[in-house]
Amino acid sequence: MKTDEKMNKSEQIRRLIDAGMSVSEIAEYMDVRYQFAYNVVSYHLKHKEKKTL
């Protein structure tokens, strides 16, 4: 999957999770710690849920 190099890592992670990748796949793909990817995804999904309510 291609991501825009101008985006920061958190934005890239948000786009990848929305595209259907798992947290572990994202962490490996982006060469970041699983915990960092998990925290970004968790925060993103919580706020995304609030917007739909």
PDB file of N, CA and C in Angstrom:
ATOM      1  N   MET A   1       0.844  -1.177   0.000  1.00  0.00           N
ATOM      2  CA  MET A   1       0.000   0.000   0.000  1.00  0.00           C
ATOM      3  C   MET A   1       0.883   1.232   0.000  1.00  0.00           C
ATOM      4  N   LYS A   2       0.508   2.206  -0.767  1.00  0.00           N
ATOM      5  CA  LYS A   2       1.295   3.429  -0.877  1.00  0.00           C
ATOM      6  C   LYS A   2       0.711   4.507   0.027  1.00  0.00           C
ATOM      7  N   THR A   3       1.587   5.191   0.756  1.00  0.00           N
ATOM      8  CA  THR A   3       1.162   6.306   1.591  1.00  0.00           C
ATOM      9  C   THR A   3       1.934   7.539   1.190  1.00  0.00           C
ATOM     10  N   ASP A   4       1.360   8.688   1.404  1.00  0.00           N
ATOM     11  CA  ASP A   4       1.980   9.959   1.064  1.00  0.00           C
ATOM     12  C   ASP A   4       3.113  10.248   2.037  1.00  0.00           C
ATOM     13  N   GLU A   5       4.296  10.504   1.515  1.00  0.00           N
ATOM     14  CA  GLU A   5       5.465  10.762   2.352  1.00  0.00           C
ATOM     15  C   GLU A   5       5.330  12.050   3.158  1.00  0.00           C
ATOM     16  N   LYS A   6       4.475  12.973   2.753  1.00  0.00           N
ATOM     17  CA  LYS A   6       4.328  14.243   3.462  1.00  0.00           C
ATOM     18  C   LYS A   6       3.449  14.122   4.706  1.00  0.00           C
ATOM     19  N   MET A   7       2.701  13.017   4.812  1.00  0.00           N
ATOM     20  CA  MET A   7       1.864  12.807   5.994  1.00  0.00           C
ATOM     21  C   MET A   7       2.745  12.372   7.158  1.00  0.00           C
ATOM     22  N   ASN A   8       2.345  12.744   8.376  1.00  0.00           N
ATOM     23  CA  ASN A   8       3.086  12.241   9.523  1.00  0.00           C
ATOM     24  C   ASN A   8       2.706  10.778   9.762  1.00  0.00           C
ATOM     25  N   LYS A   9       3.439  10.120  10.635  1.00  0.00           N
ATOM     26  CA  LYS A   9       3.227   8.688  10.855  1.00  0.00           C
ATOM     27  C   LYS A   9       1.826   8.381  11.363  1.00  0.00           C
ATOM     28  N   SER A  10       1.317   9.219  12.248  1.00  0.00           N
ATOM     29  CA  SER A  10      -0.019   8.972  12.792  1.00  0.00           C
ATOM     30  C   SER A  10      -1.079   9.031  11.704  1.00  0.00           C
ATOM     31  N   GLU A  11      -0.979   9.992  10.817  1.00  0.00           N
ATOM     32  CA  GLU A  11      -1.948  10.099   9.719  1.00  0.00           C
ATOM     33  C   GLU A  11      -1.837   8.903   8.785  1.00  0.00           C
ATOM     34  N   GLN A  12      -0.632   8.454   8.516  1.00  0.00           N
ATOM     35  CA  GLN A  12      -0.448   7.271   7.682  1.00  0.00           C
ATOM     36  C   GLN A  12      -1.093   6.052   8.338  1.00  0.00           C
ATOM     37  N   ILE A  13      -0.915   5.906   9.641  1.00  0.00           N
ATOM     38  CA  ILE A  13      -1.511   4.785  10.378  1.00  0.00           C
ATOM     39  C   ILE A  13      -3.031   4.862  10.306  1.00  0.00           C
ATOM     40  N   ARG A  14      -3.598   6.050  10.486  1.00  0.00           N
ATOM     41  CA  ARG A  14      -5.061   6.201  10.402  1.00  0.00           C
ATOM     42  C   ARG A  14      -5.576   5.799   9.020  1.00  0.00           C
ATOM     43  N   ARG A  15      -4.879   6.182   7.989  1.00  0.00           N
ATOM     44  CA  ARG A  15      -5.315   5.813   6.631  1.00  0.00           C
ATOM     45  C   ARG A  15      -5.214   4.316   6.395  1.00  0.00           C
ATOM     46  N   LEU A  16      -4.141   3.708   6.899  1.00  0.00           N
ATOM     47  CA  LEU A  16      -3.957   2.269   6.699  1.00  0.00           C
ATOM     48  C   LEU A  16      -4.999   1.459   7.461  1.00  0.00           C
ATOM     49  N   ILE A  17      -5.353   1.868   8.673  1.00  0.00           N
ATOM     50  CA  ILE A  17      -6.375   1.137   9.431  1.00  0.00           C
ATOM     51  C   ILE A  17      -7.733   1.286   8.745  1.00  0.00           C
ATOM     52  N   ASP A  18      -8.011   2.468   8.196  1.00  0.00           N
ATOM     53  CA  ASP A  18      -9.263   2.673   7.460  1.00  0.00           C
ATOM     54  C   ASP A  18      -9.287   1.854   6.174  1.00  0.00           C
ATOM     55  N   ALA A  19      -8.104   1.531   5.647  1.00  0.00           N
ATOM     56  CA  ALA A  19      -8.018   0.727   4.428  1.00  0.00           C
ATOM     57  C   ALA A  19      -8.126  -0.769   4.715  1.00  0.00           C
ATOM     58  N   GLY A  20      -8.140  -1.138   6.012  1.00  0.00           N
ATOM     59  CA  GLY A  20      -8.369  -2.536   6.355  1.00  0.00           C
ATOM     60  C   GLY A  20      -7.170  -3.309   6.871  1.00  0.00           C
ATOM     61  N   MET A  21      -6.036  -2.665   7.039  1.00  0.00           N
ATOM     62  CA  MET A  21      -4.872  -3.371   7.580  1.00  0.00           C
ATOM     63  C   MET A  21      -5.021  -3.551   9.084  1.00  0.00           C
ATOM     64  N   SER A  22      -4.410  -4.585   9.619  1.00  0.00           N
ATOM     65  CA  SER A  22      -4.428  -4.815  11.063  1.00  0.00           C
ATOM     66  C   SER A  22      -3.333  -3.986  11.724  1.00  0.00           C
ATOM     67  N   VAL A  23      -3.423  -3.854  13.026  1.00  0.00           N
ATOM     68  CA  VAL A  23      -2.434  -3.076  13.767  1.00  0.00           C
ATOM     69  C   VAL A  23      -1.043  -3.696  13.606  1.00  0.00           C
ATOM     70  N   SER A  24      -0.957  -5.012  13.708  1.00  0.00           N
ATOM     71  CA  SER A  24       0.353  -5.659  13.581  1.00  0.00           C
ATOM     72  C   SER A  24       0.919  -5.501  12.173  1.00  0.00           C
ATOM     73  N   GLU A  25       0.074  -5.562  11.156  1.00  0.00           N
ATOM     74  CA  GLU A  25       0.532  -5.340   9.781  1.00  0.00           C
ATOM     75  C   GLU A  25       1.049  -3.918   9.601  1.00  0.00           C
ATOM     76  N   ILE A  26       0.334  -2.965  10.174  1.00  0.00           N
ATOM     77  CA  ILE A  26       0.736  -1.563  10.074  1.00  0.00           C
ATOM     78  C   ILE A  26       2.071  -1.340  10.770  1.00  0.00           C
ATOM     79  N   ALA A  27       2.214  -1.874  11.973  1.00  0.00           N
ATOM     80  CA  ALA A  27       3.455  -1.702  12.728  1.00  0.00           C
ATOM     81  C   ALA A  27       4.642  -2.266  11.951  1.00  0.00           C
ATOM     82  N   GLU A  28       4.451  -3.424  11.379  1.00  0.00           N
ATOM     83  CA  GLU A  28       5.533  -4.040  10.601  1.00  0.00           C
ATOM     84  C   GLU A  28       5.802  -3.247   9.324  1.00  0.00           C
ATOM     85  N   TYR A  29       4.760  -2.867   8.617  1.00  0.00           N
ATOM     86  CA  TYR A  29       4.886  -2.134   7.361  1.00  0.00           C
ATOM     87  C   TYR A  29       5.588  -0.789   7.550  1.00  0.00           C
ATOM     88  N   MET A  30       5.238  -0.095   8.623  1.00  0.00           N
ATOM     89  CA  MET A  30       5.794   1.237   8.864  1.00  0.00           C
ATOM     90  C   MET A  30       7.049   1.229   9.724  1.00  0.00           C
ATOM     91  N   ASP A  31       7.422   0.053  10.207  1.00  0.00           N
ATOM     92  CA  ASP A  31       8.596  -0.097  11.054  1.00  0.00           C
ATOM     93  C   ASP A  31       8.499   0.777  12.303  1.00  0.00           C
ATOM     94  N   VAL A  32       7.344   0.651  12.979  1.00  0.00           N
ATOM     95  CA  VAL A  32       7.126   1.334  14.261  1.00  0.00           C
ATOM     96  C   VAL A  32       6.739   0.270  15.281  1.00  0.00           C
ATOM     97  N   ARG A  33       6.798   0.634  16.542  1.00  0.00           N
ATOM     98  CA  ARG A  33       6.401  -0.302  17.590  1.00  0.00           C
ATOM     99  C   ARG A  33       4.897  -0.560  17.523  1.00  0.00           C
ATOM    100  N   TYR A  34       4.536  -1.802  17.855  1.00  0.00           N
ATOM    101  CA  TYR A  34       3.126  -2.191  17.867  1.00  0.00           C
ATOM    102  C   TYR A  34       2.331  -1.271  18.781  1.00  0.00           C
ATOM    103  N   GLN A  35       2.883  -0.956  19.954  1.00  0.00           N
ATOM    104  CA  GLN A  35       2.168  -0.136  20.933  1.00  0.00           C
ATOM    105  C   GLN A  35       1.847   1.249  20.376  1.00  0.00           C
ATOM    106  N   PHE A  36       2.773   1.832  19.636  1.00  0.00           N
ATOM    107  CA  PHE A  36       2.531   3.146  19.025  1.00  0.00           C
ATOM    108  C   PHE A  36       1.382   3.053  18.027  1.00  0.00           C
ATOM    109  N   ALA A  37       1.432   2.061  17.149  1.00  0.00           N
ATOM    110  CA  ALA A  37       0.368   1.883  16.162  1.00  0.00           C
ATOM    111  C   ALA A  37      -0.971   1.626  16.846  1.00  0.00           C
ATOM    112  N   TYR A  38      -0.966   0.798  17.880  1.00  0.00           N
ATOM    113  CA  TYR A  38      -2.186   0.484  18.613  1.00  0.00           C
ATOM    114  C   TYR A  38      -2.786   1.736  19.240  1.00  0.00           C
ATOM    115  N   ASN A  39      -1.958   2.562  19.866  1.00  0.00           N
ATOM    116  CA  ASN A  39      -2.440   3.780  20.508  1.00  0.00           C
ATOM    117  C   ASN A  39      -3.071   4.736  19.493  1.00  0.00           C
ATOM    118  N   VAL A  40      -2.441   4.896  18.345  1.00  0.00           N
ATOM    119  CA  VAL A  40      -2.980   5.776  17.299  1.00  0.00           C
ATOM    120  C   VAL A  40      -4.323   5.237  16.807  1.00  0.00           C
ATOM    121  N   VAL A  41      -4.377   3.938  16.552  1.00  0.00           N
ATOM    122  CA  VAL A  41      -5.608   3.312  16.058  1.00  0.00           C
ATOM    123  C   VAL A  41      -6.718   3.404  17.099  1.00  0.00           C
ATOM    124  N   SER A  42      -6.395   3.110  18.339  1.00  0.00           N
ATOM    125  CA  SER A  42      -7.382   3.153  19.414  1.00  0.00           C
ATOM    126  C   SER A  42      -7.993   4.547  19.537  1.00  0.00           C
ATOM    127  N   TYR A  43      -7.153   5.557  19.585  1.00  0.00           N
ATOM    128  CA  TYR A  43      -7.612   6.944  19.692  1.00  0.00           C
ATOM    129  C   TYR A  43      -8.459   7.321  18.474  1.00  0.00           C
ATOM    130  N   HIS A  44      -8.003   6.924  17.297  1.00  0.00           N
ATOM    131  CA  HIS A  44      -8.708   7.232  16.054  1.00  0.00           C
ATOM    132  C   HIS A  44     -10.102   6.602  16.034  1.00  0.00           C
ATOM    133  N   LEU A  45     -10.184   5.344  16.408  1.00  0.00           N
ATOM    134  CA  LEU A  45     -11.468   4.654  16.361  1.00  0.00           C
ATOM    135  C   LEU A  45     -12.445   5.196  17.403  1.00  0.00           C
ATOM    136  N   LYS A  46     -11.940   5.582  18.576  1.00  0.00           N
ATOM    137  CA  LYS A  46     -12.809   6.172  19.594  1.00  0.00           C
ATOM    138  C   LYS A  46     -13.403   7.484  19.105  1.00  0.00           C
ATOM    139  N   HIS A  47     -12.591   8.315  18.479  1.00  0.00           N
ATOM    140  CA  HIS A  47     -13.082   9.608  18.000  1.00  0.00           C
ATOM    141  C   HIS A  47     -13.959   9.464  16.758  1.00  0.00           C
ATOM    142  N   LYS A  48     -13.650   8.480  15.951  1.00  0.00           N
ATOM    143  CA  LYS A  48     -14.471   8.216  14.778  1.00  0.00           C
ATOM    144  C   LYS A  48     -15.863   7.761  15.212  1.00  0.00           C
ATOM    145  N   GLU A  49     -15.918   6.954  16.280  1.00  0.00           N
ATOM    146  CA  GLU A  49     -17.197   6.483  16.821  1.00  0.00           C
ATOM    147  C   GLU A  49     -18.022   7.632  17.379  1.00  0.00           C
ATOM    148  N   LYS A  50     -17.379   8.568  18.059  1.00  0.00           N
ATOM    149  CA  LYS A  50     -18.084   9.710  18.629  1.00  0.00           C
ATOM    150  C   LYS A  50     -18.713  10.577  17.546  1.00  0.00           C
ATOM    151  N   LYS A  51     -18.045  10.692  16.406  1.00  0.00           N
ATOM    152  CA  LYS A  51     -18.559  11.519  15.315  1.00  0.00           C
ATOM    153  C   LYS A  51     -19.814  10.923  14.702  1.00  0.00           C
ATOM    154  N   THR A  52     -19.960   9.611  14.765  1.00  0.00           N
ATOM    155  CA  THR A  52     -21.124   8.957  14.159  1.00  0.00           C
ATOM    156  C   THR A  52     -22.325   8.958  15.093  1.00  0.00           C
ATOM    157  N   LEU A  53     -22.128   9.303  16.355  1.00  0.00           N
ATOM    158  CA  LEU A  53     -23.246   9.305  17.306  1.00  0.00           C
ATOM    159  C   LEU A  53     -24.075  10.554  17.220  1.00  0.00           C
TER     160      LEU A  53
END
